[in-house]
C-alpha atoms as a PDB file:
ATOM      1  CA  MET A   1      -9.713 -32.681 -21.044  1.00  0.00           C
ATOM      2  CA  SER A   2     -11.284 -29.297 -20.357  1.00  0.00           C
ATOM      3  CA  SER A   3      -9.454 -26.135 -21.352  1.00  0.00           C
ATOM      4  CA  ALA A   4     -11.637 -23.933 -19.147  1.00  0.00           C
ATOM      5  CA  LEU A   5      -9.827 -21.740 -16.663  1.00  0.00           C
ATOM      6  CA  PRO A   6     -10.512 -22.416 -12.999  1.00  0.00           C
ATOM      7  CA  ALA A   7     -13.128 -20.166 -11.447  1.00  0.00           C
ATOM      8  CA  THR A   8     -11.739 -17.086  -9.728  1.00  0.00           C
ATOM      9  CA  PRO A   9     -12.817 -17.044  -6.097  1.00  0.00           C
ATOM     10  CA  ALA A  10     -15.086 -14.183  -5.086  1.00  0.00           C
ATOM     11  CA  PRO A  11     -13.237 -11.386  -3.294  1.00  0.00           C
ATOM     12  CA  LEU A  12     -13.464 -11.482   0.473  1.00  0.00           C
ATOM     13  CA  SER A  13     -15.283  -8.642   2.148  1.00  0.00           C
ATOM     14  CA  TYR A  14     -13.303  -5.711   3.479  1.00  0.00           C
ATOM     15  CA  ASP A  15     -12.476  -6.018   7.197  1.00  0.00           C
ATOM     16  CA  SER A  16     -12.959  -2.553   8.673  1.00  0.00           C
ATOM     17  CA  SER A  17     -11.142  -3.615  11.858  1.00  0.00           C
ATOM     18  CA  ASN A  18      -7.751  -3.846  10.070  1.00  0.00           C
ATOM     19  CA  VAL A  19      -4.964  -1.668  11.463  1.00  0.00           C
ATOM     20  CA  PHE A  20      -4.968   0.803   8.547  1.00  0.00           C
ATOM     21  CA  ALA A  21      -8.738   1.330   8.758  1.00  0.00           C
ATOM     22  CA  ARG A  22      -8.279   2.004  12.470  1.00  0.00           C
ATOM     23  CA  ILE A  23      -5.469   4.480  11.741  1.00  0.00           C
ATOM     24  CA  LEU A  24      -7.695   6.196   9.167  1.00  0.00           C
ATOM     25  CA  ARG A  25     -10.411   6.546  11.846  1.00  0.00           C
ATOM     26  CA  ARG A  26      -7.725   7.856  14.259  1.00  0.00           C
ATOM     27  CA  GLU A  27      -8.356   4.975  16.676  1.00  0.00           C
ATOM     28  CA  ILE A  28      -4.655   4.081  16.519  1.00  0.00           C
ATOM     29  CA  PRO A  29      -2.039   6.848  16.492  1.00  0.00           C
ATOM     30  CA  ALA A  30       0.370   7.204  13.610  1.00  0.00           C
ATOM     31  CA  GLN A  31       2.896   9.874  12.728  1.00  0.00           C
ATOM     32  CA  LEU A  32       1.114  11.245   9.659  1.00  0.00           C
ATOM     33  CA  LEU A  33       3.454  12.670   7.061  1.00  0.00           C
ATOM     34  CA  HIS A  34       0.734  13.307   4.497  1.00  0.00           C
ATOM     35  CA  ASP A  35      -3.055  13.601   4.641  1.00  0.00           C
ATOM     36  CA  ASP A  36      -5.310  14.629   1.766  1.00  0.00           C
ATOM     37  CA  GLU A  37      -8.793  13.733   0.537  1.00  0.00           C
ATOM     38  CA  HIS A  38      -7.553  10.486  -1.088  1.00  0.00           C
ATOM     39  CA  CYS A  39      -4.834   9.050   1.150  1.00  0.00           C
ATOM     40  CA  ILE A  40      -2.619   9.262   4.194  1.00  0.00           C
ATOM     41  CA  ALA A  41       1.059   8.405   4.613  1.00  0.00           C
ATOM     42  CA  PHE A  42       3.001   7.486   7.720  1.00  0.00           C
ATOM     43  CA  ARG A  43       6.189   5.724   8.822  1.00  0.00           C
ATOM     44  CA  ASP A  44       6.161   1.916   8.991  1.00  0.00           C
ATOM     45  CA  VAL A  45       6.391   0.677  12.603  1.00  0.00           C
ATOM     46  CA  ALA A  46       8.860  -2.040  11.520  1.00  0.00           C
ATOM     47  CA  PRO A  47      11.043  -0.201   8.977  1.00  0.00           C
ATOM     48  CA  GLN A  48      13.035  -2.245   6.479  1.00  0.00           C
ATOM     49  CA  ALA A  49      15.082   0.733   5.258  1.00  0.00           C
ATOM     50  CA  PRO A  50      16.102   4.166   6.582  1.00  0.00           C
ATOM     51  CA  LEU A  51      13.036   5.518   4.793  1.00  0.00           C
ATOM     52  CA  HIS A  52      10.035   3.187   5.010  1.00  0.00           C
ATOM     53  CA  LEU A  53       6.696   4.893   4.559  1.00  0.00           C
ATOM     54  CA  LEU A  54       3.242   3.519   3.883  1.00  0.00           C
ATOM     55  CA  VAL A  55       0.822   5.334   1.599  1.00  0.00           C
ATOM     56  CA  VAL A  56      -2.739   4.193   2.304  1.00  0.00           C
ATOM     57  CA  PRO A  57      -5.893   5.099   0.381  1.00  0.00           C
ATOM     58  CA  LYS A  58      -8.866   6.340   2.361  1.00  0.00           C
ATOM     59  CA  ARG A  59     -11.061   4.242   0.099  1.00  0.00           C
ATOM     60  CA  PRO A  60     -11.519   0.689   1.491  1.00  0.00           C
ATOM     61  CA  ILE A  61      -9.737  -1.456  -1.110  1.00  0.00           C
ATOM     62  CA  ARG A  62      -8.493  -4.823   0.239  1.00  0.00           C
ATOM     63  CA  MET A  63      -5.758  -5.360  -2.346  1.00  0.00           C
ATOM     64  CA  LEU A  64      -4.637  -4.228  -5.776  1.00  0.00           C
ATOM     65  CA  GLY A  65      -6.070  -7.341  -7.433  1.00  0.00           C
ATOM     66  CA  GLU A  66      -9.541  -6.338  -6.255  1.00  0.00           C
ATOM     67  CA  ALA A  67      -9.337  -2.736  -7.467  1.00  0.00           C
ATOM     68  CA  THR A  68     -11.628  -1.753 -10.323  1.00  0.00           C
ATOM     69  CA  ALA A  69     -11.588   0.845 -13.069  1.00  0.00           C
ATOM     70  CA  ALA A  70     -13.417   3.143 -10.624  1.00  0.00           C
ATOM     71  CA  ASP A  71     -10.253   3.078  -8.473  1.00  0.00           C
ATOM     72  CA  ALA A  72      -7.892   4.203 -11.252  1.00  0.00           C
ATOM     73  CA  ALA A  73      -7.599   7.821 -10.114  1.00  0.00           C
ATOM     74  CA  VAL A  74      -6.938   6.798  -6.503  1.00  0.00           C
ATOM     75  CA  LEU A  75      -4.306   4.261  -7.597  1.00  0.00           C
ATOM     76  CA  GLY A  76      -2.503   6.889  -9.647  1.00  0.00           C
ATOM     77  CA  HIS A  77      -2.707   9.346  -6.769  1.00  0.00           C
ATOM     78  CA  LEU A  78      -1.126   6.806  -4.401  1.00  0.00           C
ATOM     79  CA  LEU A  79       1.881   6.357  -6.700  1.00  0.00           C
ATOM     80  CA  LEU A  80       2.337  10.069  -7.352  1.00  0.00           C
ATOM     81  CA  THR A  81       2.084  10.773  -3.618  1.00  0.00           C
ATOM     82  CA  ALA A  82       4.586   8.005  -2.814  1.00  0.00           C
ATOM     83  CA  ALA A  83       7.113   9.399  -5.304  1.00  0.00           C
ATOM     84  CA  ALA A  84       6.655  12.961  -4.041  1.00  0.00           C
ATOM     85  CA  LEU A  85       7.134  11.903  -0.410  1.00  0.00           C
ATOM     86  CA  ALA A  86      10.331   9.985  -1.229  1.00  0.00           C
ATOM     87  CA  LYS A  87      11.740  12.969  -3.103  1.00  0.00           C
ATOM     88  CA  GLN A  88      10.644  15.341  -0.320  1.00  0.00           C
ATOM     89  CA  ALA A  89      12.515  13.149   2.196  1.00  0.00           C
ATOM     90  CA  GLY A  90      15.680  13.466   0.097  1.00  0.00           C
ATOM     91  CA  TYR A  91      15.462  10.134  -1.730  1.00  0.00           C
ATOM     92  CA  PRO A  92      14.911  10.603  -5.478  1.00  0.00           C
ATOM     93  CA  ASP A  93      15.844   6.902  -5.876  1.00  0.00           C
ATOM     94  CA  ALA A  94      13.332   4.721  -4.046  1.00  0.00           C
ATOM     95  CA  ARG A  95      11.495   1.440  -4.307  1.00  0.00           C
ATOM     96  CA  PHE A  96       7.699   1.388  -4.353  1.00  0.00           C
ATOM     97  CA  VAL A  97       6.125  -1.951  -3.405  1.00  0.00           C
ATOM     98  CA  ILE A  98       2.536  -3.194  -3.431  1.00  0.00           C
ATOM     99  CA  ASN A  99       2.075  -6.722  -2.077  1.00  0.00           C
ATOM    100  CA  ASN A 100      -1.024  -8.404  -3.506  1.00  0.00           C
ATOM    101  CA  GLY A 101      -2.256 -11.262  -1.326  1.00  0.00           C
ATOM    102  CA  ALA A 102      -0.845 -13.295   1.540  1.00  0.00           C
ATOM    103  CA  GLY A 103       1.365 -15.329  -0.808  1.00  0.00           C
ATOM    104  CA  ALA A 104       3.047 -12.105  -1.925  1.00  0.00           C
ATOM    105  CA  GLY A 105       3.652 -10.886   1.617  1.00  0.00           C
ATOM    106  CA  GLN A 106       0.555  -8.780   2.209  1.00  0.00           C
ATOM    107  CA  SER A 107      -0.223  -8.876   5.925  1.00  0.00           C
ATOM    108  CA  VAL A 108      -2.713  -6.011   6.235  1.00  0.00           C
ATOM    109  CA  PHE A 109      -5.630  -6.351   3.850  1.00  0.00           C
ATOM    110  CA  HIS A 110      -6.081  -2.686   3.059  1.00  0.00           C
ATOM    111  CA  LEU A 111      -4.201  -1.692  -0.094  1.00  0.00           C
ATOM    112  CA  HIS A 112      -0.997   0.209   0.664  1.00  0.00           C
ATOM    113  CA  VAL A 113       2.205   1.284  -1.063  1.00  0.00           C
ATOM    114  CA  HIS A 114       5.526   0.755   0.698  1.00  0.00           C
ATOM    115  CA  VAL A 115       8.109   3.470   0.020  1.00  0.00           C
ATOM    116  CA  LEU A 116      11.634   2.184   0.721  1.00  0.00           C
ATOM    117  CA  ALA A 117      14.886   4.120   0.342  1.00  0.00           C
ATOM    118  CA  GLY A 118      18.199   4.928   1.941  1.00  0.00           C
ATOM    119  CA  ARG A 119      19.985   1.615   1.557  1.00  0.00           C
ATOM    120  CA  SER A 120      20.937  -0.721  -1.239  1.00  0.00           C
ATOM    121  CA  LEU A 121      17.936  -2.824  -2.255  1.00  0.00           C
ATOM    122  CA  ALA A 122      18.710  -6.159  -3.899  1.00  0.00           C
ATOM    123  CA  TRP A 123      17.029  -7.488  -7.010  1.00  0.00           C
ATOM    124  CA  PRO A 124      15.255  -9.755  -7.238  1.00  0.00           C
ATOM    125  CA  PRO A 125      13.653  -9.079  -3.867  1.00  0.00           C
ATOM    126  CA  GLY A 126      13.671 -11.923  -1.355  1.00  0.00           C
END
């Protein structure tokens, strides 16, 4: 019996036609709440809480599990920006969610942070 771990599949290539890439290129309108050299933030079109924002890096990263050490500064910036936006909107208590892969609920394959606040959020999440 082999004790070798199964091979990790190679990451899929980034699809530049995804909705967030199109928003970044301003091909699709979004109500931008934040825009800097590293990321943008806007309201989710299907909000799951009174405050539901998305913080999206400008760098084309499909998902957190494919990020590398070179992405560390951008990843930190996303979280700091998400927290600042929640606080700015009047929600010092908020949930920050990153879905990693289809099995975890990721539907757009461009890394993004969900910022949810303004209602009671159950744990564990459903």
